[in-house]
Protein backbone atom coordinates (compact mmCIF):
# COMPACT_ATOMS: atom_id res chain seq x y z
CA UNK A 1 19.91 6.59 20.48
CA UNK A 2 19.25 7.31 16.80
CA UNK A 3 22.04 5.50 15.40
CA UNK A 4 21.06 2.22 17.67
CA UNK A 5 17.70 2.67 16.12
CA UNK A 6 18.93 2.74 12.74
CA UNK A 7 20.96 -0.52 13.11
CA UNK A 8 17.94 -2.17 14.56
CA UNK A 9 15.91 -1.10 11.48
CA UNK A 10 18.77 -2.06 9.04
CA UNK A 11 19.02 -5.45 10.96
CA UNK A 12 15.06 -5.99 10.51
CA UNK A 13 15.26 -5.12 6.71
CA UNK A 14 18.31 -7.50 6.14
CA UNK A 15 16.42 -10.24 7.78
CA UNK A 16 13.48 -9.36 5.65
CA UNK A 17 14.92 -9.30 2.46
CA UNK A 18 17.06 -12.49 2.88
CA UNK A 19 14.48 -14.64 4.59
CA UNK A 20 11.74 -13.94 1.63
CA UNK A 21 8.07 -14.62 2.06
CA UNK A 22 6.43 -15.34 5.46
CA UNK A 23 3.97 -18.12 6.33
CA UNK A 24 0.37 -16.86 5.82
CA UNK A 25 -1.16 -18.02 8.94
CA UNK A 26 1.58 -16.85 11.19
CA UNK A 27 1.81 -13.46 12.88
CA UNK A 28 5.26 -12.02 12.62
CA UNK A 29 6.39 -10.12 15.85
CA UNK A 30 9.65 -8.18 15.73
CA UNK A 31 11.66 -7.94 18.77
CA UNK A 32 12.41 -4.84 20.58
CA UNK A 33 15.00 -3.99 22.97
CA UNK A 34 14.47 -5.95 26.52
CA UNK A 35 12.32 -8.53 24.98
CA UNK A 36 12.13 -12.01 26.24
CA UNK A 37 9.91 -14.92 25.28
CA UNK A 38 8.20 -14.95 28.66
CA UNK A 39 7.05 -11.28 28.43
CA UNK A 40 6.18 -11.79 24.56
CA UNK A 41 3.93 -14.99 25.76
CA UNK A 42 2.42 -13.11 28.74
CA UNK A 43 1.38 -9.88 27.01
CA UNK A 44 0.12 -11.50 23.49
CA UNK A 45 -0.29 -15.35 23.73
CA UNK A 46 -3.19 -17.25 25.46
CA UNK A 47 -0.76 -18.11 28.39
CA UNK A 48 2.97 -17.47 29.51
CA UNK A 49 3.39 -21.22 29.04
CA UNK A 50 3.42 -20.76 25.64
CA UNK A 51 6.91 -19.64 26.12
CA UNK A 52 8.18 -23.12 25.50
CA UNK A 53 6.17 -23.67 22.01
CA UNK A 54 7.30 -20.17 20.77
CA UNK A 55 11.14 -21.40 21.75
CA UNK A 56 10.89 -24.70 19.43
CA UNK A 57 8.55 -22.97 16.77
CA UNK A 58 11.37 -20.32 16.09
CA UNK A 59 14.52 -22.34 17.40
CA UNK A 60 15.38 -20.00 19.85
CA UNK A 61 18.69 -20.61 21.56
CA UNK A 62 18.57 -18.22 24.59
CA UNK A 63 15.07 -17.44 25.31
CA UNK A 64 15.87 -14.96 28.26
CA UNK A 65 17.90 -12.68 25.98
CA UNK A 66 16.46 -11.75 22.33
CA UNK A 67 18.26 -9.29 20.10
CA UNK A 68 16.17 -6.66 18.86
CA UNK A 69 15.14 -7.14 15.26
CA UNK A 70 14.34 -10.77 15.35
CA UNK A 71 11.37 -11.78 13.39
CA UNK A 72 9.38 -14.35 15.46
CA UNK A 73 6.85 -16.44 13.52
CA UNK A 74 3.75 -16.95 16.01
CA UNK A 75 0.86 -19.16 14.69
CA UNK A 76 -2.53 -17.22 15.07
CA UNK A 77 -4.09 -19.69 16.88
CA UNK A 78 -1.97 -18.94 20.00
CA UNK A 79 -2.56 -15.35 20.06
CA UNK A 80 -4.41 -13.90 23.02
CA UNK A 81 -6.48 -11.48 20.90
CA UNK A 82 -7.02 -12.68 17.26
CA UNK A 83 -5.83 -10.08 14.53
CA UNK A 84 -8.59 -8.11 13.57
CA UNK A 85 -9.48 -7.75 9.81
CA UNK A 86 -9.73 -5.16 7.43
CA UNK A 87 -12.76 -3.95 6.16
CA UNK A 88 -13.41 -3.08 2.28
CA UNK A 89 -15.44 0.26 2.57
CA UNK A 90 -15.69 1.11 -0.90
CA UNK A 91 -14.61 -0.65 -4.40
CA UNK A 92 -15.04 0.79 -8.02
CA UNK A 93 -14.32 -1.32 -11.11
CA UNK A 94 -12.69 -4.91 -11.26
CA UNK A 95 -11.45 -5.54 -7.79
CA UNK A 96 -10.14 -9.26 -7.02
CA UNK A 97 -9.05 -10.87 -3.74
CA UNK A 98 -7.30 -14.03 -3.29
CA UNK A 99 -7.43 -15.66 0.14
CA UNK A 100 -4.28 -16.99 1.94
CA UNK A 101 -5.60 -20.70 1.27
CA UNK A 102 -5.92 -19.59 -2.73
CA UNK A 103 -9.50 -19.23 -2.73
CA UNK A 104 -11.15 -16.48 -4.70
CA UNK A 105 -13.52 -13.82 -2.82
CA UNK A 106 -16.28 -12.24 -4.55
CA UNK A 107 -15.84 -8.62 -3.66
CA UNK A 108 -18.31 -6.61 -2.00
CA UNK A 109 -18.40 -3.57 0.08
CA UNK A 110 -18.14 -4.74 3.91
CA UNK A 111 -16.17 -7.64 3.25
CA UNK A 112 -13.43 -8.27 5.88
CA UNK A 113 -9.92 -9.47 4.65
CA UNK A 114 -7.41 -11.38 6.86
CA UNK A 115 -3.98 -12.01 6.94
CA UNK A 116 -2.30 -13.47 3.84
CA UNK A 117 -4.89 -12.21 1.59
CA UNK A 118 -4.19 -10.55 -1.52
CA UNK A 119 -6.07 -7.61 -3.12
CA UNK A 120 -5.70 -6.75 -6.73
CA UNK A 121 -7.17 -3.89 -8.63
CA UNK A 122 -7.15 -3.78 -12.49
CA UNK A 123 -7.17 -1.01 -14.82
CA UNK A 124 -9.70 1.82 -13.95
CA UNK A 125 -10.28 0.32 -10.41
CA UNK A 126 -9.86 1.45 -7.12
CA UNK A 127 -10.42 0.24 -3.36
CA UNK A 128 -10.65 1.77 0.12
CA UNK A 129 -9.80 -0.34 3.05
CA UNK A 130 -10.16 0.45 6.67
CA UNK A 131 -7.92 -0.98 9.42
CA UNK A 132 -9.03 -2.14 13.01
CA UNK A 133 -7.45 1.21 14.47
CA UNK A 134 -9.21 3.44 11.74
CA UNK A 135 -6.50 3.88 9.52
CA UNK A 136 -7.51 4.22 5.86
CA UNK A 137 -5.99 2.92 2.54
CA UNK A 138 -6.76 3.91 -0.96
CA UNK A 139 -5.63 1.09 -3.34
CA UNK A 140 -5.03 2.79 -6.73
CA UNK A 141 -5.64 1.17 -10.23
CA UNK A 142 -3.25 -1.43 -11.52
CA UNK A 143 -1.98 -2.41 -8.00
CA UNK A 144 -1.43 -5.62 -5.94
CA UNK A 145 -1.17 -5.48 -1.89
CA UNK A 146 -0.78 -8.74 0.43
CA UNK A 147 -1.86 -8.35 3.99
CA UNK A 148 1.26 -9.63 6.05
CA UNK A 149 0.42 -8.76 9.58
CA UNK A 150 -2.76 -7.30 11.07
CA UNK A 151 -3.11 -7.06 14.83
CA UNK A 152 -4.48 -4.29 16.93
CA UNK A 153 -4.37 -4.74 20.74
CA UNK A 154 -6.84 -2.33 22.27
CA UNK A 155 -5.54 -3.20 25.80
CA UNK A 156 -1.96 -2.15 25.16
CA UNK A 157 -2.49 0.23 22.34
CA UNK A 158 -0.12 -1.78 20.43
CA UNK A 159 -0.76 -1.93 16.54
CA UNK A 160 1.14 -4.02 14.26
CA UNK A 161 0.30 -3.81 10.52
CA UNK A 162 2.55 -4.78 7.79
CA UNK A 163 1.36 -4.75 3.92
CA UNK A 164 3.53 -5.79 0.75
CA UNK A 165 2.79 -3.77 -2.29
CA UNK A 166 3.94 -5.74 -5.32
CA UNK A 167 3.20 -2.80 -7.79
CA UNK A 168 1.02 -0.04 -8.62
CA UNK A 169 0.36 2.73 -5.61
CA UNK A 170 -1.59 3.50 -2.60
CA UNK A 171 -2.30 6.32 -0.21
CA UNK A 172 -2.99 5.95 3.24
CA UNK A 173 -3.81 7.86 6.32
CA UNK A 174 -2.46 6.23 9.45
CA UNK A 175 -4.15 6.87 13.05
CA UNK A 176 -1.31 8.14 15.22
CA UNK A 177 0.55 5.24 16.59
CA UNK A 178 0.10 5.26 20.73
CA UNK A 179 2.99 3.34 21.79
CA UNK A 180 6.65 3.32 20.82
CA UNK A 181 6.55 -0.64 19.88
CA UNK A 182 3.43 -0.29 17.60
CA UNK A 183 4.39 -0.59 13.87
CA UNK A 184 2.79 0.35 10.43
CA UNK A 185 4.94 -0.74 7.44
CA UNK A 186 4.67 -0.93 3.67
CA UNK A 187 6.97 -3.39 2.20
CA UNK A 188 7.74 -3.44 -1.60
CA UNK A 189 10.75 -5.25 -3.56
CA UNK A 190 12.86 -2.07 -3.22
CA UNK A 191 12.64 -0.87 0.03
CA UNK A 192 10.32 -0.16 3.25
CA UNK A 193 8.35 2.53 4.42
CA UNK A 194 8.03 2.74 8.22
CA UNK A 195 5.36 5.40 9.33
CA UNK A 196 5.96 8.01 11.74
CA UNK A 197 3.38 10.42 10.58
CA UNK A 198 -0.22 10.28 9.46
CA UNK A 199 -0.47 10.46 5.72
CA UNK A 200 1.57 9.36 2.78
CA UNK A 201 1.62 7.45 -0.62
CA UNK A 202 3.75 4.82 -1.72
CA UNK A 203 4.07 3.55 -5.47
CA UNK A 204 5.86 0.57 -6.96
CA UNK A 205 7.55 0.52 -10.54
CA UNK A 206 7.61 -3.22 -11.26
CA UNK A 207 9.45 -2.64 -14.56
CA UNK A 208 12.17 -0.32 -12.98
CA UNK A 209 12.05 -1.94 -9.52
CA UNK A 210 11.66 1.37 -7.74
CA UNK A 211 9.75 2.40 -5.04
CA UNK A 212 8.66 6.07 -4.65
CA UNK A 213 7.27 7.79 -1.28
CA UNK A 214 5.70 11.09 -1.04
CA UNK A 215 4.85 12.51 2.70
CA UNK A 216 1.92 14.83 2.99
CA UNK A 217 1.85 15.13 6.75
CA UNK A 218 4.08 14.02 9.60
CA UNK A 219 7.29 11.79 8.76
CA UNK A 220 8.08 8.54 7.23
CA UNK A 221 11.51 6.33 7.21
CA UNK A 222 12.25 4.75 4.03
CA UNK A 223 15.04 2.11 4.14
CA UNK A 224 16.55 -0.88 2.56
CA UNK A 225 19.38 -3.10 3.22
CA UNK A 226 21.68 -0.23 1.63
CA UNK A 227 20.73 2.82 3.66
CA UNK A 228 17.80 4.82 5.03
CA UNK A 229 16.26 8.18 4.67
CA UNK A 230 13.82 10.09 6.98
CA UNK A 231 11.44 11.99 4.64
CA UNK A 232 9.39 14.83 6.12
CA UNK A 233 6.25 16.41 5.22
CA UNK A 234 6.34 17.91 1.71
CA UNK A 235 8.98 15.91 0.55
CA UNK A 236 9.40 12.47 -1.47
CA UNK A 237 12.08 9.64 -2.39
CA UNK A 238 12.47 7.18 -4.86
CA UNK A 239 14.34 3.86 -3.74
CA UNK A 240 15.69 1.36 -6.56
CA UNK A 241 16.21 -2.03 -5.45
CA UNK A 242 19.67 -2.83 -4.57
CA UNK A 243 20.44 1.06 -4.23
CA UNK A 244 20.13 3.46 -1.41
CA UNK A 245 17.15 5.91 -1.34
CA UNK A 246 17.70 9.09 -3.00
CA UNK A 247 17.96 12.22 -0.93
CA UNK A 248 14.37 13.48 -0.25
CA UNK A 249 13.46 16.14 -2.48
CA UNK A 250 10.54 18.60 -2.23
CA UNK A 251 7.36 17.87 -3.76
CA UNK A 252 5.89 19.56 -6.63
CA UNK A 253 3.53 22.38 -5.80
CA UNK A 254 -0.18 22.07 -5.77
CA UNK A 255 -1.92 22.35 -9.46
CA UNK A 256 -3.84 25.64 -9.80
CA UNK A 257 -7.37 24.70 -9.97
CA UNK A 258 -8.65 28.26 -9.47
CA UNK A 259 -10.49 28.55 -12.68
CA UNK A 260 -11.76 25.06 -13.36
CA UNK A 261 -15.43 24.85 -14.10
CA UNK A 262 -17.49 24.54 -10.87
CA UNK A 263 -20.54 23.80 -12.76
CA UNK A 264 -20.72 20.90 -15.41
CA UNK A 265 -24.15 20.49 -17.25
CA UNK A 266 -23.13 18.22 -20.15
CA UNK A 267 -21.13 14.87 -20.20
CA UNK A 268 -18.54 14.16 -21.40
CA UNK A 269 -16.83 17.26 -20.56
CA UNK A 270 -13.28 18.41 -21.25
CA UNK A 271 -11.52 19.74 -18.36
CA UNK A 272 -8.24 21.52 -18.73
CA UNK A 273 -5.89 23.56 -16.04
CA UNK A 274 -2.82 25.62 -16.24
CA UNK A 275 0.34 23.56 -16.68
CA UNK A 276 2.53 23.09 -13.53
CA UNK A 277 6.23 23.98 -13.80
CA UNK A 278 8.09 20.56 -13.59
CA UNK A 279 5.26 18.25 -14.10
CA UNK A 280 5.59 15.58 -16.86
CA UNK A 281 2.31 14.06 -16.17
CA UNK A 282 -0.85 14.39 -13.94
CA UNK A 283 -2.82 12.19 -11.68
CA UNK A 284 -6.33 13.23 -11.54
CA UNK A 285 -9.02 11.64 -8.84
CA UNK A 286 -12.36 12.36 -8.21
CA UNK A 287 -14.17 11.66 -4.81
CA UNK A 288 -17.96 11.89 -3.74
CA UNK A 289 -18.27 14.63 -1.25
CA UNK A 290 -20.97 12.51 0.37
CA UNK A 291 -18.84 9.59 0.80
CA UNK A 292 -15.14 10.71 1.24
CA UNK A 293 -14.06 7.05 1.16
CA UNK A 294 -15.06 6.77 -2.41
CA UNK A 295 -12.57 7.34 -5.40
CA UNK A 296 -14.94 7.05 -8.45
CA UNK A 297 -12.13 8.26 -10.86
CA UNK A 298 -8.36 7.58 -10.87
CA UNK A 299 -6.49 8.20 -13.99
CA UNK A 300 -2.75 9.42 -14.99
CA UNK A 301 -2.55 11.65 -17.95
CA UNK A 302 0.25 13.22 -19.86
CA UNK A 303 -1.40 16.66 -20.61
CA UNK A 304 -3.24 19.01 -18.40
CA UNK A 305 -6.61 18.04 -19.47
CA UNK A 306 -9.31 15.00 -19.07
CA UNK A 307 -12.44 14.14 -20.36
CA UNK A 308 -15.10 13.39 -17.62
CA UNK A 309 -17.76 10.92 -18.73
CA UNK A 310 -20.11 8.40 -16.96
CA UNK A 311 -20.16 10.39 -13.91
CA UNK A 312 -23.65 10.70 -11.96
CA UNK A 313 -25.19 13.89 -11.07
CA UNK A 314 -24.03 15.28 -7.72
CA UNK A 315 -21.15 17.01 -5.98
CA UNK A 316 -17.42 16.07 -6.21
CA UNK A 317 -14.04 17.10 -4.87
CA UNK A 318 -11.69 16.87 -7.94
CA UNK A 319 -7.83 16.57 -6.78
CA UNK A 320 -5.13 16.90 -9.46
CA UNK A 321 -1.53 16.66 -8.84
CA UNK A 322 1.76 17.06 -10.95
CA UNK A 323 4.28 14.15 -11.45
CA UNK A 324 7.98 15.08 -11.75
CA UNK A 325 10.80 13.49 -13.93
CA UNK A 326 11.43 10.76 -11.43
CA UNK A 327 7.90 9.85 -10.65
CA UNK A 328 6.99 11.78 -7.39
CA UNK A 329 3.49 12.68 -7.25
CA UNK A 330 3.17 16.15 -5.91
CA UNK A 331 0.69 18.00 -3.74
CA UNK A 332 -2.92 18.21 -4.27
CA UNK A 333 -4.79 20.89 -6.19
CA UNK A 334 -8.20 20.57 -5.02
CA UNK A 335 -11.53 22.15 -6.27
CA UNK A 336 -15.49 21.29 -6.00
CA UNK A 337 -17.28 20.50 -9.03
CA UNK A 338 -21.35 19.99 -9.52
CA UNK A 339 -22.42 17.78 -11.87
CA UNK A 340 -26.16 18.64 -13.00
CA UNK A 341 -26.89 17.26 -16.54
CA UNK A 342 -30.85 17.92 -15.92
CA UNK A 343 -30.34 21.47 -17.07
CA UNK A 344 -29.26 22.54 -20.64
CA UNK A 345 -25.75 23.92 -21.18
CA UNK A 346 -26.05 27.59 -20.97
CA UNK A 347 -22.82 28.89 -22.76
CA UNK A 348 -23.10 28.00 -26.47
CA UNK A 349 -20.12 27.38 -28.79
CA UNK A 350 -18.70 30.76 -30.16
CA UNK A 351 -19.18 31.20 -33.80
CA UNK A 352 -15.73 32.04 -34.99
CA UNK A 353 -15.13 34.27 -37.96
CA UNK A 354 -12.32 33.62 -40.83
CA UNK A 355 -9.03 34.60 -39.10
CA UNK A 356 -7.39 37.76 -40.79
CA UNK A 357 -3.76 37.03 -41.57
CA UNK A 358 -1.37 39.96 -42.21
CA UNK A 359 2.44 38.62 -42.60
CA UNK A 360 2.54 36.99 -39.14
CA UNK A 361 0.03 39.07 -37.47
CA UNK A 362 -3.27 36.87 -36.85
CA UNK A 363 -6.64 38.63 -35.84
CA UNK A 364 -9.63 36.74 -34.76
CA UNK A 365 -13.23 37.52 -33.93
CA UNK A 366 -16.23 35.62 -32.78
CA UNK A 367 -19.98 36.36 -31.88
CA UNK A 368 -20.55 37.23 -28.35
CA UNK A 369 -21.69 34.36 -26.33
CA UNK A 370 -25.00 35.01 -23.71
CA UNK A 371 -23.70 34.71 -20.07
CA UNK A 372 -19.91 34.65 -21.01
CA UNK A 373 -17.87 36.97 -18.82
CA UNK A 374 -14.66 35.96 -20.33
CA UNK A 375 -13.23 33.66 -22.90
CA UNK A 376 -10.53 31.34 -23.28
CA UNK A 377 -8.41 31.33 -26.38
CA UNK A 378 -5.70 28.72 -27.13
CA UNK A 379 -3.51 28.65 -30.19
CA UNK A 380 -1.55 25.57 -31.05
CA UNK A 381 0.97 23.97 -33.20
CA UNK A 382 -1.10 20.78 -33.59
CA UNK A 383 -4.78 19.93 -34.26
CA UNK A 384 -5.08 17.83 -31.23
CA UNK A 385 -3.76 20.71 -29.15
CA UNK A 386 -1.00 18.68 -27.33
CA UNK A 387 1.47 21.53 -28.07
CA UNK A 388 -0.17 24.86 -27.01
CA UNK A 389 1.50 27.97 -27.78
CA UNK A 390 -0.96 30.44 -26.28
CA UNK A 391 -3.60 29.91 -23.68
CA UNK A 392 -5.06 32.93 -22.33
CA UNK A 393 -8.73 34.28 -20.66
CA UNK A 394 -9.82 37.74 -22.02
CA UNK A 395 -12.76 39.65 -21.90
CA UNK A 396 -13.26 40.90 -25.44
CA UNK A 397 -14.77 38.90 -28.21
CA UNK A 398 -11.42 39.24 -30.47
CA UNK A 399 -7.97 38.16 -30.13
CA UNK A 400 -4.98 39.61 -31.97
CA UNK A 401 -1.47 37.79 -31.85
CA UNK A 402 1.65 37.58 -33.84
CA UNK A 403 3.17 34.26 -34.31
CA UNK A 404 7.18 33.17 -34.75
CA UNK A 405 8.64 32.12 -38.02
CA UNK A 406 9.27 28.67 -36.90
CA UNK A 407 6.25 27.01 -38.74
CA UNK A 408 3.37 28.30 -41.09
CA UNK A 409 0.26 26.39 -40.04
CA UNK A 410 -1.32 26.89 -36.38
CA UNK A 411 -4.98 26.15 -34.96
CA UNK A 412 -7.31 28.17 -32.93
CA UNK A 413 -10.00 27.67 -30.53
CA UNK A 414 -12.08 29.46 -28.17
CA UNK A 415 -14.87 29.01 -25.57
CA UNK A 416 -17.09 31.24 -23.01
CA UNK A 417 -16.47 31.48 -19.17
CA UNK A 418 -19.26 32.43 -17.00
CA UNK A 419 -18.54 34.30 -13.81
CA UNK A 420 -19.22 30.80 -11.83
CA UNK A 421 -16.37 29.73 -13.72
CA UNK A 422 -18.82 27.48 -15.68
CA UNK A 423 -16.87 26.23 -18.74
CA UNK A 424 -18.48 26.29 -22.42
CA UNK A 425 -17.31 23.95 -24.83
CA UNK A 426 -14.52 24.62 -27.50
CA UNK A 427 -15.61 24.50 -31.05
CA UNK A 428 -13.98 22.91 -33.80
CA UNK A 429 -10.46 24.15 -34.39
CA UNK A 430 -9.92 26.70 -36.97
CA UNK A 431 -6.73 26.15 -39.19
CA UNK A 432 -4.36 29.01 -39.79
CA UNK A 433 -2.08 29.16 -42.76
CA UNK A 434 0.72 31.66 -42.91
CA UNK A 435 1.62 31.97 -46.47
CA UNK A 436 5.58 32.79 -47.05
CA UNK A 437 6.22 35.20 -50.38
CA UNK A 438 9.60 34.52 -51.85
CA UNK A 439 11.80 37.23 -53.58
CA UNK A 440 9.98 37.09 -57.05
CA UNK A 441 6.80 38.08 -54.94
CA UNK A 442 8.27 41.21 -53.71
CA UNK A 443 10.15 42.13 -57.07
CA UNK A 444 6.78 41.55 -58.86
CA UNK A 445 5.15 43.88 -56.24
CA UNK A 446 7.67 46.51 -56.55
CA UNK A 447 7.57 46.57 -60.38
CA UNK A 448 4.00 46.84 -60.40
CA UNK A 449 4.13 49.98 -58.03
CA UNK A 450 6.54 51.44 -60.17
CA UNK A 451 4.41 50.99 -63.30
CA UNK A 452 1.67 52.53 -61.66
């Protein structure tokens, strides 16, 4: 049974990749085992007599016996139930919609999209879409999505959704499919993700011609005309155009956000978190807790730190996940943050005294900060703190460390942390220079000691 299903799926995929684009005003029905034109017309079309039109429109030779995996084009006007549209429930930034007839839509929340429409998100822009069956889709920034097929048949429980992701990324939460012949597919130039579960992410790299899929809940079938992979919860795969999808690998663990600030009283605000093993980059998203469908911040960064600015006061959910070396995005670390800029920051910037250097041992001291229960100290090899050597949290207002002999210049900074995990601001970096003494210095010191 499983082998038969795989053959049908591969047949479908081959047909899709060979046939190219579909007609925007046609609904595409993929035949299942036992299908014939009479039953299809009776179930989905205005009259069973439409089977003759359907036969001629698709040049079907044997209407009584249809092989599984055939893609039948059906004009929308013939359908018993017109395809239900997709509602734009939230947008942020520059979102464009191109209708199937080539016209442009001035996007507003509440607009309804139809078959053939294309939605494009530019830099620092996102859009959340709701489908007729309640499924949700978040289109990330710099993405392009085309709505190929949108049908929901309440009387039969059959749902047919087919989306084409040309570039960028998305995260979708799919309402569980009630019938075995229902379909929810995301097509990319490299492969197709056929849903079996409820929540997953898909991304397209148009430069590398790859598709990544990360499954957060349930199972997803990822396949192209070369092969297929079943991806289970907590795993992901990457498919390159013309090559089989990679064997699924485990997603990176959730980022640790235990110590991020829960209260922000001044913007812009610099937020950092511990580096995650295996992460070469991080995806950061901020969601309004009062409206879970609104992603107000979506950015990919290469270091475990971001600057939050131009965000209104309120309560938010911040989600941060690591990105591994093949581009798979891992599990979300989540934390609730409260932004209230009406109150002045309570944690002052620590006043640091001049560091004391003894050989390669460095001692730092600073004035205690009111309301600070601990301090975060960082020592880096560069003034921008991209190469952090030490990152520790201590209770004392002094810190001693010994540095290696690999270099002679370092930079130090410190900030206060409250019991509520409120983070103060780092002060200016303090440079520390280790002076190397040559053999003449030591000979001179020894001679001076002998003369005394």
